[in-house]
Amino acid sequence: MKALKIPLIREGTVIDHITAGQAVNVLHILGIPGTQSSTVSVAMNVKSRLVKKDIVKVENRELDPHEVNKIALIAPKATINIIRDYKVVEKHEVKLPKEVVGIVHCSNPTCISNAREPVKSRFTVITADPPRVKCYYCEREPEDIADRII
């Protein structure tokens, strides 16, 4: 059996332990394709010891906290690995804050956060795994968070 190996990256970020099938949503969160001119590698449904997972490697890019919070909404067990000179120099698990602001659209069309008011969307985290949030203003809980990420 031949195996296709994903090349190492010299500098950048590896997002590991992404919930299987969510790699495409992670790419969307990161604005890929579109803003990325460096190499991006994606592995989906990779067999791990216990579960299947996805992996995304992005060369020459480190994620900002806003992007990490978005990833935590769709992949609560993901880990972020910062790579420098081909080595992992920093590794941490994603963690949802108690509240997410300006990250998710409310599913209620009459919510004040969807009106033409200068109000950012604001959600309280109910549970981190599986991720569940409710709107601070109207208390509606979106069914598919991935479809609501801004």
N, C-alpha and C. Protein backbone atom coordinates (compact mmCIF):
# COMPACT_ATOMS: atom_id res chain seq x y z
N MET A 1 0.84 -1.18 0.00
CA MET A 1 0.00 0.00 0.00
C MET A 1 0.88 1.24 0.00
N LYS A 2 0.65 2.13 -0.93
CA LYS A 2 1.42 3.37 -1.00
C LYS A 2 0.77 4.41 -0.12
N ALA A 3 1.58 5.22 0.53
CA ALA A 3 1.07 6.29 1.38
C ALA A 3 1.55 7.63 0.84
N LEU A 4 0.66 8.57 0.78
CA LEU A 4 1.01 9.92 0.37
C LEU A 4 1.32 10.71 1.62
N LYS A 5 2.50 11.23 1.71
CA LYS A 5 2.89 11.97 2.90
C LYS A 5 2.77 13.46 2.66
N ILE A 6 2.33 14.14 3.68
CA ILE A 6 2.24 15.59 3.63
C ILE A 6 3.60 16.14 4.03
N PRO A 7 4.16 17.03 3.23
CA PRO A 7 5.50 17.54 3.54
C PRO A 7 5.53 18.39 4.82
N LEU A 8 6.67 18.37 5.47
CA LEU A 8 6.89 19.22 6.63
C LEU A 8 6.88 20.68 6.19
N ILE A 9 6.55 21.56 7.11
CA ILE A 9 6.63 22.98 6.80
C ILE A 9 7.72 23.59 7.67
N ARG A 10 8.43 24.54 7.09
CA ARG A 10 9.52 25.18 7.82
C ARG A 10 9.00 26.15 8.87
N GLU A 11 8.02 26.98 8.47
CA GLU A 11 7.42 27.98 9.37
C GLU A 11 5.92 27.94 9.13
N GLY A 12 5.16 28.14 10.19
CA GLY A 12 3.71 28.23 10.00
C GLY A 12 2.93 27.58 11.12
N THR A 13 1.74 27.09 10.77
CA THR A 13 0.82 26.55 11.75
C THR A 13 0.25 25.22 11.27
N VAL A 14 0.16 24.27 12.19
CA VAL A 14 -0.53 23.01 11.93
C VAL A 14 -1.73 22.96 12.87
N ILE A 15 -2.90 22.78 12.30
CA ILE A 15 -4.11 22.63 13.10
C ILE A 15 -4.46 21.16 13.05
N ASP A 16 -4.36 20.50 14.18
CA ASP A 16 -4.54 19.05 14.28
C ASP A 16 -5.79 18.76 15.10
N HIS A 17 -6.24 17.53 15.03
CA HIS A 17 -7.41 17.06 15.80
C HIS A 17 -8.68 17.84 15.46
N ILE A 18 -8.78 18.26 14.21
CA ILE A 18 -10.00 18.92 13.74
C ILE A 18 -11.07 17.84 13.61
N THR A 19 -12.28 18.14 14.05
CA THR A 19 -13.38 17.20 13.91
C THR A 19 -13.46 16.75 12.44
N ALA A 20 -13.54 15.44 12.22
CA ALA A 20 -13.57 14.89 10.85
C ALA A 20 -14.64 15.57 10.02
N GLY A 21 -14.24 16.01 8.83
CA GLY A 21 -15.16 16.67 7.92
C GLY A 21 -15.22 18.18 8.07
N GLN A 22 -14.52 18.74 9.05
CA GLN A 22 -14.57 20.19 9.29
C GLN A 22 -13.39 20.95 8.68
N ALA A 23 -12.46 20.26 8.04
CA ALA A 23 -11.29 20.95 7.46
C ALA A 23 -11.70 22.02 6.45
N VAL A 24 -12.73 21.75 5.67
CA VAL A 24 -13.19 22.73 4.68
C VAL A 24 -13.68 24.00 5.39
N ASN A 25 -14.38 23.84 6.51
CA ASN A 25 -14.83 25.01 7.27
C ASN A 25 -13.65 25.76 7.87
N VAL A 26 -12.61 25.04 8.30
CA VAL A 26 -11.41 25.70 8.81
C VAL A 26 -10.76 26.52 7.71
N LEU A 27 -10.67 25.97 6.51
CA LEU A 27 -10.11 26.72 5.38
C LEU A 27 -10.93 27.99 5.11
N HIS A 28 -12.24 27.87 5.20
CA HIS A 28 -13.11 29.04 5.00
C HIS A 28 -12.83 30.11 6.07
N ILE A 29 -12.70 29.69 7.31
CA ILE A 29 -12.40 30.62 8.41
C ILE A 29 -11.09 31.36 8.15
N LEU A 30 -10.11 30.64 7.61
CA LEU A 30 -8.79 31.23 7.36
C LEU A 30 -8.74 32.02 6.05
N GLY A 31 -9.84 32.04 5.32
CA GLY A 31 -9.86 32.78 4.05
C GLY A 31 -9.09 32.08 2.96
N ILE A 32 -9.03 30.76 3.00
CA ILE A 32 -8.29 29.98 2.00
C ILE A 32 -9.31 29.24 1.14
N PRO A 33 -9.24 29.28 -0.18
CA PRO A 33 -8.28 30.04 -0.95
C PRO A 33 -8.67 31.51 -0.99
N GLY A 34 -7.75 32.29 -1.41
CA GLY A 34 -8.03 33.72 -1.53
C GLY A 34 -6.90 34.56 -1.00
N THR A 35 -6.63 34.44 0.30
CA THR A 35 -5.63 35.31 0.89
C THR A 35 -4.27 34.62 1.03
N GLN A 36 -4.24 33.32 0.86
CA GLN A 36 -3.02 32.57 1.14
C GLN A 36 -2.23 32.33 -0.14
N SER A 37 -0.96 32.71 -0.14
CA SER A 37 -0.12 32.44 -1.30
C SER A 37 0.90 31.35 -1.00
N SER A 38 1.00 30.93 0.24
CA SER A 38 1.93 29.87 0.63
C SER A 38 1.24 28.51 0.54
N THR A 39 2.01 27.46 0.75
CA THR A 39 1.50 26.10 0.68
C THR A 39 0.52 25.81 1.80
N VAL A 40 -0.59 25.18 1.43
CA VAL A 40 -1.59 24.72 2.39
C VAL A 40 -1.80 23.24 2.13
N SER A 41 -1.70 22.42 3.18
CA SER A 41 -1.95 20.98 3.06
C SER A 41 -3.15 20.61 3.90
N VAL A 42 -4.00 19.76 3.36
CA VAL A 42 -5.20 19.32 4.06
C VAL A 42 -5.27 17.81 4.02
N ALA A 43 -5.50 17.21 5.16
CA ALA A 43 -5.73 15.77 5.25
C ALA A 43 -7.07 15.57 5.94
N MET A 44 -7.94 14.80 5.31
CA MET A 44 -9.28 14.59 5.87
C MET A 44 -9.49 13.12 6.19
N ASN A 45 -10.24 12.89 7.26
CA ASN A 45 -10.59 11.55 7.71
C ASN A 45 -9.36 10.68 7.95
N VAL A 46 -8.36 11.28 8.60
CA VAL A 46 -7.13 10.57 8.94
C VAL A 46 -7.41 9.69 10.16
N LYS A 47 -6.99 8.44 10.09
CA LYS A 47 -7.20 7.54 11.22
C LYS A 47 -6.24 7.90 12.34
N SER A 48 -6.80 8.12 13.50
CA SER A 48 -6.03 8.38 14.71
C SER A 48 -6.24 7.17 15.62
N ARG A 49 -5.63 7.18 16.78
CA ARG A 49 -5.79 6.04 17.68
C ARG A 49 -7.25 5.78 18.01
N LEU A 50 -8.01 6.81 18.29
CA LEU A 50 -9.38 6.63 18.74
C LEU A 50 -10.43 7.05 17.73
N VAL A 51 -10.16 8.08 16.95
CA VAL A 51 -11.18 8.63 16.05
C VAL A 51 -10.56 9.02 14.71
N LYS A 52 -11.43 9.40 13.79
CA LYS A 52 -10.95 10.01 12.55
C LYS A 52 -10.89 11.50 12.76
N LYS A 53 -9.94 12.15 12.11
CA LYS A 53 -9.75 13.59 12.29
C LYS A 53 -9.28 14.20 10.98
N ASP A 54 -9.29 15.53 10.94
CA ASP A 54 -8.75 16.29 9.82
C ASP A 54 -7.53 17.07 10.31
N ILE A 55 -6.64 17.40 9.39
CA ILE A 55 -5.44 18.17 9.71
C ILE A 55 -5.27 19.24 8.63
N VAL A 56 -4.92 20.46 9.04
CA VAL A 56 -4.64 21.54 8.09
C VAL A 56 -3.27 22.12 8.44
N LYS A 57 -2.39 22.21 7.42
CA LYS A 57 -1.07 22.83 7.59
C LYS A 57 -1.03 24.08 6.72
N VAL A 58 -0.63 25.20 7.33
CA VAL A 58 -0.55 26.45 6.60
C VAL A 58 0.86 27.00 6.77
N GLU A 59 1.55 27.08 5.66
CA GLU A 59 2.93 27.56 5.70
C GLU A 59 2.97 29.08 5.81
N ASN A 60 3.94 29.59 6.55
CA ASN A 60 4.20 31.03 6.69
C ASN A 60 3.03 31.82 7.24
N ARG A 61 2.29 31.23 8.17
CA ARG A 61 1.17 31.95 8.78
C ARG A 61 0.91 31.45 10.19
N GLU A 62 0.72 32.42 11.10
CA GLU A 62 0.29 32.09 12.46
C GLU A 62 -1.11 32.67 12.63
N LEU A 63 -1.94 31.96 13.37
CA LEU A 63 -3.34 32.37 13.53
C LEU A 63 -3.48 33.43 14.60
N ASP A 64 -4.46 34.32 14.40
CA ASP A 64 -4.75 35.29 15.44
C ASP A 64 -5.82 34.72 16.37
N PRO A 65 -5.97 35.26 17.58
CA PRO A 65 -6.94 34.71 18.55
C PRO A 65 -8.37 34.66 18.03
N HIS A 66 -8.76 35.62 17.18
CA HIS A 66 -10.10 35.64 16.60
C HIS A 66 -10.33 34.39 15.74
N GLU A 67 -9.32 34.02 14.93
CA GLU A 67 -9.42 32.82 14.09
C GLU A 67 -9.47 31.56 14.95
N VAL A 68 -8.68 31.53 16.01
CA VAL A 68 -8.67 30.37 16.91
C VAL A 68 -10.04 30.19 17.57
N ASN A 69 -10.67 31.28 17.98
CA ASN A 69 -12.01 31.19 18.58
C ASN A 69 -13.02 30.65 17.57
N LYS A 70 -12.91 31.04 16.33
CA LYS A 70 -13.81 30.53 15.30
C LYS A 70 -13.60 29.02 15.12
N ILE A 71 -12.35 28.60 15.08
CA ILE A 71 -12.04 27.18 14.92
C ILE A 71 -12.59 26.38 16.10
N ALA A 72 -12.49 26.93 17.30
CA ALA A 72 -13.00 26.24 18.50
C ALA A 72 -14.50 25.98 18.41
N LEU A 73 -15.22 26.83 17.67
CA LEU A 73 -16.66 26.64 17.52
C LEU A 73 -17.02 25.43 16.67
N ILE A 74 -16.14 25.04 15.75
CA ILE A 74 -16.44 23.89 14.89
C ILE A 74 -15.57 22.68 15.17
N ALA A 75 -14.48 22.88 15.90
CA ALA A 75 -13.56 21.78 16.21
C ALA A 75 -13.04 21.96 17.65
N PRO A 76 -13.87 21.62 18.64
CA PRO A 76 -13.53 21.90 20.04
C PRO A 76 -12.32 21.14 20.59
N LYS A 77 -11.87 20.12 19.88
CA LYS A 77 -10.71 19.34 20.35
C LYS A 77 -9.45 19.63 19.54
N ALA A 78 -9.52 20.64 18.69
CA ALA A 78 -8.38 20.97 17.83
C ALA A 78 -7.19 21.45 18.65
N THR A 79 -6.01 21.20 18.10
CA THR A 79 -4.78 21.73 18.69
C THR A 79 -4.09 22.59 17.65
N ILE A 80 -3.46 23.65 18.13
CA ILE A 80 -2.73 24.58 17.27
C ILE A 80 -1.25 24.37 17.56
N ASN A 81 -0.49 24.04 16.52
CA ASN A 81 0.95 23.84 16.64
C ASN A 81 1.66 24.91 15.83
N ILE A 82 2.50 25.69 16.49
CA ILE A 82 3.30 26.71 15.81
C ILE A 82 4.63 26.08 15.44
N ILE A 83 4.98 26.18 14.16
CA ILE A 83 6.19 25.55 13.63
C ILE A 83 7.21 26.63 13.28
N ARG A 84 8.42 26.43 13.74
CA ARG A 84 9.55 27.29 13.36
C ARG A 84 10.76 26.41 13.10
N ASP A 85 11.38 26.61 11.98
CA ASP A 85 12.54 25.81 11.57
C ASP A 85 12.24 24.32 11.67
N TYR A 86 11.09 23.92 11.15
CA TYR A 86 10.61 22.54 11.08
C TYR A 86 10.28 21.90 12.42
N LYS A 87 10.28 22.66 13.50
CA LYS A 87 10.02 22.09 14.83
C LYS A 87 8.81 22.76 15.46
N VAL A 88 8.06 21.98 16.26
CA VAL A 88 6.95 22.53 17.02
C VAL A 88 7.53 23.31 18.19
N VAL A 89 7.29 24.62 18.21
CA VAL A 89 7.83 25.45 19.29
C VAL A 89 6.74 25.86 20.28
N GLU A 90 5.49 25.66 19.87
CA GLU A 90 4.38 26.03 20.74
C GLU A 90 3.21 25.14 20.36
N LYS A 91 2.51 24.61 21.36
CA LYS A 91 1.35 23.76 21.10
C LYS A 91 0.30 24.07 22.15
N HIS A 92 -0.93 24.31 21.69
CA HIS A 92 -2.00 24.51 22.65
C HIS A 92 -3.33 24.06 22.07
N GLU A 93 -4.24 23.69 22.95
CA GLU A 93 -5.58 23.29 22.54
C GLU A 93 -6.44 24.54 22.40
N VAL A 94 -7.37 24.47 21.47
CA VAL A 94 -8.30 25.59 21.34
C VAL A 94 -9.21 25.59 22.57
N LYS A 95 -9.65 26.77 22.94
CA LYS A 95 -10.55 26.89 24.08
C LYS A 95 -11.51 28.03 23.80
N LEU A 96 -12.78 27.72 23.90
CA LEU A 96 -13.78 28.76 23.69
C LEU A 96 -13.84 29.69 24.88
N PRO A 97 -13.92 30.98 24.64
CA PRO A 97 -14.15 31.89 25.76
C PRO A 97 -15.60 31.73 26.23
N LYS A 98 -15.97 32.37 27.33
CA LYS A 98 -17.34 32.28 27.84
C LYS A 98 -18.32 33.01 26.93
N GLU A 99 -17.78 33.93 26.15
CA GLU A 99 -18.61 34.72 25.26
C GLU A 99 -17.87 34.95 23.95
N VAL A 100 -18.60 34.89 22.83
CA VAL A 100 -18.00 35.18 21.53
C VAL A 100 -18.70 36.39 20.93
N VAL A 101 -17.91 37.36 20.50
CA VAL A 101 -18.45 38.61 19.98
C VAL A 101 -17.97 38.82 18.55
N GLY A 102 -18.92 39.10 17.65
CA GLY A 102 -18.57 39.39 16.27
C GLY A 102 -18.08 38.20 15.49
N ILE A 103 -18.43 37.00 15.91
CA ILE A 103 -17.93 35.79 15.26
C ILE A 103 -19.05 35.01 14.58
N VAL A 104 -20.26 35.05 15.14
CA VAL A 104 -21.38 34.26 14.65
C VAL A 104 -22.58 35.18 14.38
N HIS A 105 -23.27 34.93 13.26
CA HIS A 105 -24.52 35.64 12.96
C HIS A 105 -25.65 34.96 13.71
N CYS A 106 -26.56 35.72 14.25
CA CYS A 106 -27.75 35.16 14.90
C CYS A 106 -28.69 34.63 13.81
N SER A 107 -29.32 33.50 14.10
CA SER A 107 -30.24 32.90 13.13
C SER A 107 -31.62 33.56 13.15
N ASN A 108 -31.85 34.44 14.11
CA ASN A 108 -33.14 35.14 14.22
C ASN A 108 -33.09 36.40 13.35
N PRO A 109 -33.86 36.44 12.27
CA PRO A 109 -33.79 37.61 11.38
C PRO A 109 -34.24 38.90 12.05
N THR A 110 -35.03 38.83 13.13
CA THR A 110 -35.49 40.04 13.80
C THR A 110 -34.61 40.42 15.00
N CYS A 111 -33.54 39.68 15.24
CA CYS A 111 -32.62 40.01 16.34
C CYS A 111 -31.97 41.36 16.08
N ILE A 112 -31.76 42.11 17.14
CA ILE A 112 -31.16 43.44 17.00
C ILE A 112 -29.76 43.37 16.38
N SER A 113 -29.07 42.25 16.57
CA SER A 113 -27.73 42.13 15.99
C SER A 113 -27.78 41.98 14.47
N ASN A 114 -28.94 41.67 13.92
CA ASN A 114 -29.10 41.57 12.46
C ASN A 114 -29.74 42.81 11.86
N ALA A 115 -30.14 43.74 12.71
CA ALA A 115 -30.74 44.98 12.23
C ALA A 115 -29.63 45.93 11.80
N ARG A 116 -30.00 47.04 11.29
CA ARG A 116 -28.99 48.02 10.86
C ARG A 116 -28.57 48.91 12.01
N GLU A 117 -28.45 48.33 13.15
CA GLU A 117 -28.00 49.03 14.35
C GLU A 117 -26.50 48.78 14.52
N PRO A 118 -25.79 49.67 15.18
CA PRO A 118 -24.36 49.45 15.40
C PRO A 118 -24.12 48.49 16.57
N VAL A 119 -24.63 47.26 16.43
CA VAL A 119 -24.53 46.25 17.48
C VAL A 119 -23.83 45.03 16.91
N LYS A 120 -22.76 44.60 17.54
CA LYS A 120 -22.08 43.37 17.12
C LYS A 120 -22.82 42.17 17.68
N SER A 121 -22.77 41.07 16.93
CA SER A 121 -23.38 39.86 17.44
C SER A 121 -22.63 39.43 18.71
N ARG A 122 -23.38 38.83 19.62
CA ARG A 122 -22.79 38.46 20.91
C ARG A 122 -23.46 37.17 21.37
N PHE A 123 -22.67 36.16 21.63
CA PHE A 123 -23.20 34.87 22.03
C PHE A 123 -22.55 34.39 23.32
N THR A 124 -23.36 33.79 24.17
CA THR A 124 -22.88 33.16 25.39
C THR A 124 -22.65 31.69 25.07
N VAL A 125 -21.51 31.15 25.50
CA VAL A 125 -21.22 29.74 25.28
C VAL A 125 -21.95 28.92 26.33
N ILE A 126 -22.79 28.00 25.86
CA ILE A 126 -23.54 27.11 26.76
C ILE A 126 -22.68 25.91 27.11
N THR A 127 -22.14 25.24 26.07
CA THR A 127 -21.22 24.12 26.26
C THR A 127 -20.10 24.24 25.23
N ALA A 128 -18.91 23.78 25.62
CA ALA A 128 -17.77 23.84 24.71
C ALA A 128 -17.67 22.61 23.83
N ASP A 129 -18.10 21.46 24.32
CA ASP A 129 -17.99 20.22 23.55
C ASP A 129 -19.18 19.33 23.82
N PRO A 130 -20.12 19.27 22.91
CA PRO A 130 -20.13 19.94 21.61
C PRO A 130 -20.42 21.44 21.77
N PRO A 131 -19.89 22.24 20.88
CA PRO A 131 -20.11 23.68 21.00
C PRO A 131 -21.58 24.06 20.83
N ARG A 132 -22.10 24.75 21.82
CA ARG A 132 -23.47 25.29 21.77
C ARG A 132 -23.41 26.71 22.30
N VAL A 133 -24.04 27.61 21.55
CA VAL A 133 -24.06 29.02 21.95
C VAL A 133 -25.48 29.54 21.85
N LYS A 134 -25.76 30.61 22.60
CA LYS A 134 -27.06 31.27 22.46
C LYS A 134 -26.84 32.77 22.38
N CYS A 135 -27.69 33.40 21.61
CA CYS A 135 -27.59 34.84 21.38
C CYS A 135 -27.84 35.58 22.69
N TYR A 136 -26.99 36.52 22.97
CA TYR A 136 -27.10 37.34 24.18
C TYR A 136 -28.37 38.20 24.14
N TYR A 137 -28.78 38.62 22.94
CA TYR A 137 -29.90 39.54 22.81
C TYR A 137 -31.26 38.83 22.76
N CYS A 138 -31.39 37.81 21.94
CA CYS A 138 -32.71 37.17 21.76
C CYS A 138 -32.76 35.75 22.32
N GLU A 139 -31.62 35.25 22.76
CA GLU A 139 -31.48 33.92 23.37
C GLU A 139 -31.73 32.77 22.41
N ARG A 140 -31.71 33.03 21.12
CA ARG A 140 -31.85 31.94 20.14
C ARG A 140 -30.54 31.18 20.04
N GLU A 141 -30.65 29.86 19.91
CA GLU A 141 -29.49 28.99 19.76
C GLU A 141 -29.41 28.52 18.31
N PRO A 142 -28.37 28.91 17.57
CA PRO A 142 -28.28 28.47 16.17
C PRO A 142 -28.04 26.96 16.10
N GLU A 143 -28.65 26.33 15.10
CA GLU A 143 -28.51 24.89 14.94
C GLU A 143 -27.16 24.50 14.36
N ASP A 144 -26.74 25.15 13.30
CA ASP A 144 -25.47 24.81 12.67
C ASP A 144 -24.53 26.01 12.76
N ILE A 145 -23.68 25.98 13.76
CA ILE A 145 -22.77 27.10 14.02
C ILE A 145 -21.86 27.36 12.82
N ALA A 146 -21.37 26.29 12.17
CA ALA A 146 -20.44 26.45 11.05
C ALA A 146 -21.03 27.33 9.95
N ASP A 147 -22.33 27.21 9.71
CA ASP A 147 -22.98 28.03 8.68
C ASP A 147 -23.18 29.47 9.10
N ARG A 148 -23.03 29.76 10.37
CA ARG A 148 -23.30 31.10 10.90
C ARG A 148 -22.02 31.87 11.21
N ILE A 149 -20.86 31.27 11.05
CA ILE A 149 -19.60 31.95 11.36
C ILE A 149 -19.37 33.07 10.35
N ILE A 150 -19.02 34.23 10.88
CA ILE A 150 -18.80 35.42 10.04
C ILE A 150 -17.42 35.34 9.41
